[in-house]
Amino acid sequence: MIARIPLVLDPQPEGGYTVTSPLLPELITEGDTVSEALANAEDAFAAVVEIYEDTNRPLPSGICVDDAGGPVSVEALVAIA
């Protein structure tokens, strides 16, 4: 599954970023760089999807699912200090 979800990358004082999503409060991860944080967000999203499936809950309606064979788009809000 390829999904578009809003992400918030919050810079940390010690360096790196904490990643959360306003639509998925269960999604929390981090990374030392923006690209590492986004890659970790993919893994965190996969874990959240598994949690939703295990508990028979639908994903929030604001999440857009894209065709896996088509182009991938990522939406992210990045706070710059």
PDB file of N, CA and C in Angstrom:
ATOM      1  N   MET A   1       0.849  -1.178   0.000  1.00  0.00           N
ATOM      2  CA  MET A   1       0.000   0.000   0.000  1.00  0.00           C
ATOM      3  C   MET A   1       0.890   1.235   0.000  1.00  0.00           C
ATOM      4  N   ILE A   2       0.515   2.189  -0.823  1.00  0.00           N
ATOM      5  CA  ILE A   2       1.182   3.487  -0.817  1.00  0.00           C
ATOM      6  C   ILE A   2       0.124   4.508  -0.410  1.00  0.00           C
ATOM      7  N   ALA A   3       0.421   5.255   0.627  1.00  0.00           N
ATOM      8  CA  ALA A   3      -0.555   6.211   1.145  1.00  0.00           C
ATOM      9  C   ALA A   3       0.089   7.582   1.288  1.00  0.00           C
ATOM     10  N   ARG A   4      -0.738   8.601   1.133  1.00  0.00           N
ATOM     11  CA  ARG A   4      -0.295   9.977   1.387  1.00  0.00           C
ATOM     12  C   ARG A   4      -0.862  10.388   2.735  1.00  0.00           C
ATOM     13  N   ILE A   5       0.018  10.740   3.643  1.00  0.00           N
ATOM     14  CA  ILE A   5      -0.407  11.156   4.975  1.00  0.00           C
ATOM     15  C   ILE A   5       0.343  12.430   5.350  1.00  0.00           C
ATOM     16  N   PRO A   6      -0.302  13.300   6.103  1.00  0.00           N
ATOM     17  CA  PRO A   6       0.424  14.489   6.562  1.00  0.00           C
ATOM     18  C   PRO A   6       1.416  14.102   7.651  1.00  0.00           C
ATOM     19  N   LEU A   7       2.615  14.641   7.540  1.00  0.00           N
ATOM     20  CA  LEU A   7       3.657  14.393   8.527  1.00  0.00           C
ATOM     21  C   LEU A   7       4.168  15.722   9.067  1.00  0.00           C
ATOM     22  N   VAL A   8       4.561  15.727  10.317  1.00  0.00           N
ATOM     23  CA  VAL A   8       5.191  16.894  10.928  1.00  0.00           C
ATOM     24  C   VAL A   8       6.585  16.470  11.354  1.00  0.00           C
ATOM     25  N   LEU A   9       7.599  17.128  10.804  1.00  0.00           N
ATOM     26  CA  LEU A   9       8.983  16.876  11.182  1.00  0.00           C
ATOM     27  C   LEU A   9       9.417  18.013  12.098  1.00  0.00           C
ATOM     28  N   ASP A  10       9.605  17.702  13.363  1.00  0.00           N
ATOM     29  CA  ASP A  10       9.925  18.706  14.368  1.00  0.00           C
ATOM     30  C   ASP A  10      11.404  18.610  14.712  1.00  0.00           C
ATOM     31  N   PRO A  11      12.198  19.665  14.402  1.00  0.00           N
ATOM     32  CA  PRO A  11      13.625  19.603  14.719  1.00  0.00           C
ATOM     33  C   PRO A  11      13.844  19.540  16.233  1.00  0.00           C
ATOM     34  N   GLN A  12      14.811  18.741  16.630  1.00  0.00           N
ATOM     35  CA  GLN A  12      15.118  18.562  18.048  1.00  0.00           C
ATOM     36  C   GLN A  12      16.379  19.336  18.415  1.00  0.00           C
ATOM     37  N   PRO A  13      16.445  19.868  19.647  1.00  0.00           N
ATOM     38  CA  PRO A  13      17.606  20.667  20.059  1.00  0.00           C
ATOM     39  C   PRO A  13      18.928  19.901  19.948  1.00  0.00           C
ATOM     40  N   GLU A  14      18.900  18.602  20.182  1.00  0.00           N
ATOM     41  CA  GLU A  14      20.127  17.807  20.113  1.00  0.00           C
ATOM     42  C   GLU A  14      20.450  17.379  18.686  1.00  0.00           C
ATOM     43  N   GLY A  15      19.604  17.751  17.736  1.00  0.00           N
ATOM     44  CA  GLY A  15      19.784  17.386  16.333  1.00  0.00           C
ATOM     45  C   GLY A  15      18.768  16.340  15.908  1.00  0.00           C
ATOM     46  N   GLY A  16      18.535  16.255  14.642  1.00  0.00           N
ATOM     47  CA  GLY A  16      17.579  15.301  14.115  1.00  0.00           C
ATOM     48  C   GLY A  16      16.152  15.822  14.199  1.00  0.00           C
ATOM     49  N   TYR A  17      15.223  14.944  13.856  1.00  0.00           N
ATOM     50  CA  TYR A  17      13.808  15.307  13.761  1.00  0.00           C
ATOM     51  C   TYR A  17      12.942  14.239  14.406  1.00  0.00           C
ATOM     52  N   THR A  18      11.883  14.672  15.058  1.00  0.00           N
ATOM     53  CA  THR A  18      10.833  13.779  15.511  1.00  0.00           C
ATOM     54  C   THR A  18       9.709  13.885  14.495  1.00  0.00           C
ATOM     55  N   VAL A  19       9.157  12.748  14.086  1.00  0.00           N
ATOM     56  CA  VAL A  19       8.101  12.717  13.078  1.00  0.00           C
ATOM     57  C   VAL A  19       6.802  12.240  13.721  1.00  0.00           C
ATOM     58  N   THR A  20       5.729  13.003  13.494  1.00  0.00           N
ATOM     59  CA  THR A  20       4.390  12.623  13.929  1.00  0.00           C
ATOM     60  C   THR A  20       3.422  12.894  12.783  1.00  0.00           C
ATOM     61  N   SER A  21       2.189  12.435  12.952  1.00  0.00           N
ATOM     62  CA  SER A  21       1.145  12.702  11.973  1.00  0.00           C
ATOM     63  C   SER A  21      -0.128  13.124  12.708  1.00  0.00           C
ATOM     64  N   PRO A  22      -0.728  14.243  12.297  1.00  0.00           N
ATOM     65  CA  PRO A  22      -1.967  14.657  12.954  1.00  0.00           C
ATOM     66  C   PRO A  22      -3.124  13.690  12.731  1.00  0.00           C
ATOM     67  N   LEU A  23      -3.067  12.888  11.677  1.00  0.00           N
ATOM     68  CA  LEU A  23      -4.144  11.922  11.414  1.00  0.00           C
ATOM     69  C   LEU A  23      -3.934  10.594  12.123  1.00  0.00           C
ATOM     70  N   LEU A  24      -2.701  10.291  12.466  1.00  0.00           N
ATOM     71  CA  LEU A  24      -2.368   9.005  13.083  1.00  0.00           C
ATOM     72  C   LEU A  24      -1.545   9.245  14.347  1.00  0.00           C
ATOM     73  N   PRO A  25      -2.196   9.428  15.481  1.00  0.00           N
ATOM     74  CA  PRO A  25      -1.434   9.708  16.708  1.00  0.00           C
ATOM     75  C   PRO A  25      -0.487   8.571  17.100  1.00  0.00           C
ATOM     76  N   GLU A  26      -0.711   7.376  16.572  1.00  0.00           N
ATOM     77  CA  GLU A  26       0.160   6.241  16.876  1.00  0.00           C
ATOM     78  C   GLU A  26       1.493   6.326  16.125  1.00  0.00           C
ATOM     79  N   LEU A  27       1.568   7.151  15.093  1.00  0.00           N
ATOM     80  CA  LEU A  27       2.781   7.254  14.285  1.00  0.00           C
ATOM     81  C   LEU A  27       3.740   8.244  14.941  1.00  0.00           C
ATOM     82  N   ILE A  28       4.811   7.705  15.498  1.00  0.00           N
ATOM     83  CA  ILE A  28       5.865   8.522  16.101  1.00  0.00           C
ATOM     84  C   ILE A  28       7.190   7.850  15.773  1.00  0.00           C
ATOM     85  N   THR A  29       8.106   8.623  15.195  1.00  0.00           N
ATOM     86  CA  THR A  29       9.436   8.104  14.889  1.00  0.00           C
ATOM     87  C   THR A  29      10.406   9.271  14.862  1.00  0.00           C
ATOM     88  N   GLU A  30      11.630   9.013  14.453  1.00  0.00           N
ATOM     89  CA  GLU A  30      12.633  10.072  14.403  1.00  0.00           C
ATOM     90  C   GLU A  30      13.681   9.728  13.367  1.00  0.00           C
ATOM     91  N   GLY A  31      14.570  10.675  13.117  1.00  0.00           N
ATOM     92  CA  GLY A  31      15.689  10.453  12.217  1.00  0.00           C
ATOM     93  C   GLY A  31      16.689  11.572  12.357  1.00  0.00           C
ATOM     94  N   ASP A  32      17.946  11.281  12.041  1.00  0.00           N
ATOM     95  CA  ASP A  32      18.993  12.291  12.148  1.00  0.00           C
ATOM     96  C   ASP A  32      18.930  13.319  11.023  1.00  0.00           C
ATOM     97  N   THR A  33      18.403  12.914   9.862  1.00  0.00           N
ATOM     98  CA  THR A  33      18.244  13.818   8.721  1.00  0.00           C
ATOM     99  C   THR A  33      16.793  13.748   8.253  1.00  0.00           C
ATOM    100  N   VAL A  34      16.410  14.678   7.392  1.00  0.00           N
ATOM    101  CA  VAL A  34      15.045  14.667   6.856  1.00  0.00           C
ATOM    102  C   VAL A  34      14.805  13.372   6.094  1.00  0.00           C
ATOM    103  N   SER A  35      15.766  12.950   5.250  1.00  0.00           N
ATOM    104  CA  SER A  35      15.532  11.723   4.482  1.00  0.00           C
ATOM    105  C   SER A  35      15.467  10.499   5.379  1.00  0.00           C
ATOM    106  N   GLU A  36      16.271  10.456   6.426  1.00  0.00           N
ATOM    107  CA  GLU A  36      16.193   9.324   7.356  1.00  0.00           C
ATOM    108  C   GLU A  36      14.871   9.350   8.116  1.00  0.00           C
ATOM    109  N   ALA A  37      14.426  10.539   8.513  1.00  0.00           N
ATOM    110  CA  ALA A  37      13.153  10.659   9.228  1.00  0.00           C
ATOM    111  C   ALA A  37      11.993  10.202   8.344  1.00  0.00           C
ATOM    112  N   LEU A  38      12.011  10.564   7.063  1.00  0.00           N
ATOM    113  CA  LEU A  38      10.941  10.148   6.154  1.00  0.00           C
ATOM    114  C   LEU A  38      10.980   8.639   5.912  1.00  0.00           C
ATOM    115  N   ALA A  39      12.174   8.068   5.789  1.00  0.00           N
ATOM    116  CA  ALA A  39      12.279   6.614   5.620  1.00  0.00           C
ATOM    117  C   ALA A  39      11.752   5.903   6.866  1.00  0.00           C
ATOM    118  N   ASN A  40      12.085   6.416   8.041  1.00  0.00           N
ATOM    119  CA  ASN A  40      11.585   5.822   9.277  1.00  0.00           C
ATOM    120  C   ASN A  40      10.080   5.990   9.402  1.00  0.00           C
ATOM    121  N   ALA A  41       9.546   7.081   8.848  1.00  0.00           N
ATOM    122  CA  ALA A  41       8.100   7.288   8.869  1.00  0.00           C
ATOM    123  C   ALA A  41       7.388   6.217   8.044  1.00  0.00           C
ATOM    124  N   GLU A  42       8.014   5.767   6.960  1.00  0.00           N
ATOM    125  CA  GLU A  42       7.427   4.678   6.171  1.00  0.00           C
ATOM    126  C   GLU A  42       7.313   3.413   7.016  1.00  0.00           C
ATOM    127  N   ASP A  43       8.385   3.091   7.736  1.00  0.00           N
ATOM    128  CA  ASP A  43       8.352   1.906   8.600  1.00  0.00           C
ATOM    129  C   ASP A  43       7.316   2.064   9.710  1.00  0.00           C
ATOM    130  N   ALA A  44       7.260   3.256  10.297  1.00  0.00           N
ATOM    131  CA  ALA A  44       6.292   3.502  11.368  1.00  0.00           C
ATOM    132  C   ALA A  44       4.868   3.407  10.831  1.00  0.00           C
ATOM    133  N   PHE A  45       4.632   3.903   9.619  1.00  0.00           N
ATOM    134  CA  PHE A  45       3.300   3.830   9.036  1.00  0.00           C
ATOM    135  C   PHE A  45       2.900   2.371   8.818  1.00  0.00           C
ATOM    136  N   ALA A  46       3.837   1.545   8.358  1.00  0.00           N
ATOM    137  CA  ALA A  46       3.538   0.118   8.163  1.00  0.00           C
ATOM    138  C   ALA A  46       3.122  -0.522   9.486  1.00  0.00           C
ATOM    139  N   ALA A  47       3.796  -0.156  10.567  1.00  0.00           N
ATOM    140  CA  ALA A  47       3.432  -0.697  11.880  1.00  0.00           C
ATOM    141  C   ALA A  47       2.057  -0.218  12.321  1.00  0.00           C
ATOM    142  N   VAL A  48       1.743   1.046  12.042  1.00  0.00           N
ATOM    143  CA  VAL A  48       0.430   1.597  12.408  1.00  0.00           C
ATOM    144  C   VAL A  48      -0.672   0.905  11.608  1.00  0.00           C
ATOM    145  N   VAL A  49      -0.442   0.673  10.326  1.00  0.00           N
ATOM    146  CA  VAL A  49      -1.427  -0.032   9.502  1.00  0.00           C
ATOM    147  C   VAL A  49      -1.694  -1.413  10.092  1.00  0.00           C
ATOM    148  N   GLU A  50      -0.642  -2.092  10.520  1.00  0.00           N
ATOM    149  CA  GLU A  50      -0.802  -3.414  11.128  1.00  0.00           C
ATOM    150  C   GLU A  50      -1.648  -3.334  12.403  1.00  0.00           C
ATOM    151  N   ILE A  51      -1.420  -2.306  13.214  1.00  0.00           N
ATOM    152  CA  ILE A  51      -2.221  -2.113  14.432  1.00  0.00           C
ATOM    153  C   ILE A  51      -3.692  -1.923  14.076  1.00  0.00           C
ATOM    154  N   TYR A  52      -3.959  -1.090  13.077  1.00  0.00           N
ATOM    155  CA  TYR A  52      -5.346  -0.849  12.661  1.00  0.00           C
ATOM    156  C   TYR A  52      -5.987  -2.129  12.136  1.00  0.00           C
ATOM    157  N   GLU A  53      -5.238  -2.903  11.344  1.00  0.00           N
ATOM    158  CA  GLU A  53      -5.780  -4.157  10.821  1.00  0.00           C
ATOM    159  C   GLU A  53      -6.057  -5.150  11.943  1.00  0.00           C
ATOM    160  N   ASP A  54      -5.127  -5.251  12.900  1.00  0.00           N
ATOM    161  CA  ASP A  54      -5.288  -6.194  14.014  1.00  0.00           C
ATOM    162  C   ASP A  54      -6.484  -5.858  14.892  1.00  0.00           C
ATOM    163  N   THR A  55      -6.827  -4.578  14.964  1.00  0.00           N
ATOM    164  CA  THR A  55      -7.949  -4.150  15.810  1.00  0.00           C
ATOM    165  C   THR A  55      -9.217  -3.880  14.992  1.00  0.00           C
ATOM    166  N   ASN A  56      -9.174  -4.256  13.694  1.00  0.00           N
ATOM    167  CA  ASN A  56     -10.328  -4.079  12.796  1.00  0.00           C
ATOM    168  C   ASN A  56     -10.837  -2.638  12.753  1.00  0.00           C
ATOM    169  N   ARG A  57      -9.902  -1.691  12.769  1.00  0.00           N
ATOM    170  CA  ARG A  57     -10.262  -0.281  12.661  1.00  0.00           C
ATOM    171  C   ARG A  57      -9.890   0.223  11.268  1.00  0.00           C
ATOM    172  N   PRO A  58     -10.746   1.035  10.652  1.00  0.00           N
ATOM    173  CA  PRO A  58     -10.370   1.616   9.360  1.00  0.00           C
ATOM    174  C   PRO A  58      -9.370   2.753   9.560  1.00  0.00           C
ATOM    175  N   LEU A  59      -8.534   2.957   8.568  1.00  0.00           N
ATOM    176  CA  LEU A  59      -7.641   4.109   8.609  1.00  0.00           C
ATOM    177  C   LEU A  59      -8.468   5.385   8.533  1.00  0.00           C
ATOM    178  N   PRO A  60      -7.995   6.481   9.101  1.00  0.00           N
ATOM    179  CA  PRO A  60      -8.740   7.735   9.038  1.00  0.00           C
ATOM    180  C   PRO A  60      -9.038   8.131   7.591  1.00  0.00           C
ATOM    181  N   SER A  61     -10.173   8.768   7.392  1.00  0.00           N
ATOM    182  CA  SER A  61     -10.622   9.102   6.039  1.00  0.00           C
ATOM    183  C   SER A  61      -9.717  10.103   5.327  1.00  0.00           C
ATOM    184  N   GLY A  62      -8.906  10.850   6.038  1.00  0.00           N
ATOM    185  CA  GLY A  62      -8.027  11.832   5.406  1.00  0.00           C
ATOM    186  C   GLY A  62      -6.800  11.243   4.750  1.00  0.00           C
ATOM    187  N   ILE A  63      -6.583   9.939   4.924  1.00  0.00           N
ATOM    188  CA  ILE A  63      -5.429   9.289   4.319  1.00  0.00           C
ATOM    189  C   ILE A  63      -5.797   8.868   2.906  1.00  0.00           C
ATOM    190  N   CYS A  64      -4.982   9.276   1.944  1.00  0.00           N
ATOM    191  CA  CYS A  64      -5.222   8.936   0.539  1.00  0.00           C
ATOM    192  C   CYS A  64      -4.347   7.757   0.159  1.00  0.00           C
ATOM    193  N   VAL A  65      -4.956   6.747  -0.417  1.00  0.00           N
ATOM    194  CA  VAL A  65      -4.207   5.567  -0.867  1.00  0.00           C
ATOM    195  C   VAL A  65      -3.984   5.697  -2.367  1.00  0.00           C
ATOM    196  N   ASP A  66      -2.721   5.593  -2.777  1.00  0.00           N
ATOM    197  CA  ASP A  66      -2.338   5.716  -4.182  1.00  0.00           C
ATOM    198  C   ASP A  66      -2.155   4.346  -4.811  1.00  0.00           C
ATOM    199  N   ASP A  67      -2.190   4.317  -6.126  1.00  0.00           N
ATOM    200  CA  ASP A  67      -1.902   3.113  -6.892  1.00  0.00           C
ATOM    201  C   ASP A  67      -0.434   2.751  -6.694  1.00  0.00           C
ATOM    202  N   ALA A  68      -0.167   1.537  -6.260  1.00  0.00           N
ATOM    203  CA  ALA A  68       1.208   1.109  -5.985  1.00  0.00           C
ATOM    204  C   ALA A  68       2.085   1.136  -7.238  1.00  0.00           C
ATOM    205  N   GLY A  69       1.489   1.059  -8.429  1.00  0.00           N
ATOM    206  CA  GLY A  69       2.270   1.079  -9.649  1.00  0.00           C
ATOM    207  C   GLY A  69       2.500   2.470 -10.191  1.00  0.00           C
ATOM    208  N   GLY A  70       1.860   3.459  -9.597  1.00  0.00           N
ATOM    209  CA  GLY A  70       1.971   4.827 -10.089  1.00  0.00           C
ATOM    210  C   GLY A  70       3.029   5.620  -9.342  1.00  0.00           C
ATOM    211  N   PRO A  71       3.091   6.907  -9.634  1.00  0.00           N
ATOM    212  CA  PRO A  71       4.077   7.751  -8.945  1.00  0.00           C
ATOM    213  C   PRO A  71       3.721   7.885  -7.467  1.00  0.00           C
ATOM    214  N   VAL A  72       4.740   8.088  -6.659  1.00  0.00           N
ATOM    215  CA  VAL A  72       4.546   8.239  -5.224  1.00  0.00           C
ATOM    216  C   VAL A  72       4.684   9.708  -4.870  1.00  0.00           C
ATOM    217  N   SER A  73       3.737  10.211  -4.103  1.00  0.00           N
ATOM    218  CA  SER A  73       3.865  11.579  -3.611  1.00  0.00           C
ATOM    219  C   SER A  73       3.890  11.547  -2.099  1.00  0.00           C
ATOM    220  N   VAL A  74       4.682  12.409  -1.518  1.00  0.00           N
ATOM    221  CA  VAL A  74       4.803  12.487  -0.070  1.00  0.00           C
ATOM    222  C   VAL A  74       4.445  13.893   0.358  1.00  0.00           C
ATOM    223  N   GLU A  75       3.593  13.988   1.380  1.00  0.00           N
ATOM    224  CA  GLU A  75       3.250  15.290   1.937  1.00  0.00           C
ATOM    225  C   GLU A  75       3.898  15.380   3.295  1.00  0.00           C
ATOM    226  N   ALA A  76       4.616  16.473   3.541  1.00  0.00           N
ATOM    227  CA  ALA A  76       5.264  16.642   4.841  1.00  0.00           C
ATOM    228  C   ALA A  76       5.250  18.118   5.206  1.00  0.00           C
ATOM    229  N   LEU A  77       4.988  18.390   6.471  1.00  0.00           N
ATOM    230  CA  LEU A  77       5.151  19.726   7.013  1.00  0.00           C
ATOM    231  C   LEU A  77       6.470  19.734   7.748  1.00  0.00           C
ATOM    232  N   VAL A  78       7.359  20.632   7.377  1.00  0.00           N
ATOM    233  CA  VAL A  78       8.673  20.664   7.983  1.00  0.00           C
ATOM    234  C   VAL A  78       8.835  21.978   8.708  1.00  0.00           C
ATOM    235  N   ALA A  79       9.091  21.926  10.024  1.00  0.00           N
ATOM    236  CA  ALA A  79       9.342  23.131  10.813  1.00  0.00           C
ATOM    237  C   ALA A  79      10.828  23.432  10.757  1.00  0.00           C
ATOM    238  N   ILE A  80      11.173  24.633  10.379  1.00  0.00           N
ATOM    239  CA  ILE A  80      12.567  25.050  10.322  1.00  0.00           C
ATOM    240  C   ILE A  80      12.805  26.043  11.457  1.00  0.00           C
ATOM    241  N   ALA A  81      13.783  25.742  12.269  1.00  0.00           N
ATOM    242  CA  ALA A  81      14.074  26.598  13.436  1.00  0.00           C
ATOM    243  C   ALA A  81      14.830  27.836  13.009  1.00  0.00           C
TER     244      ALA A  81
END
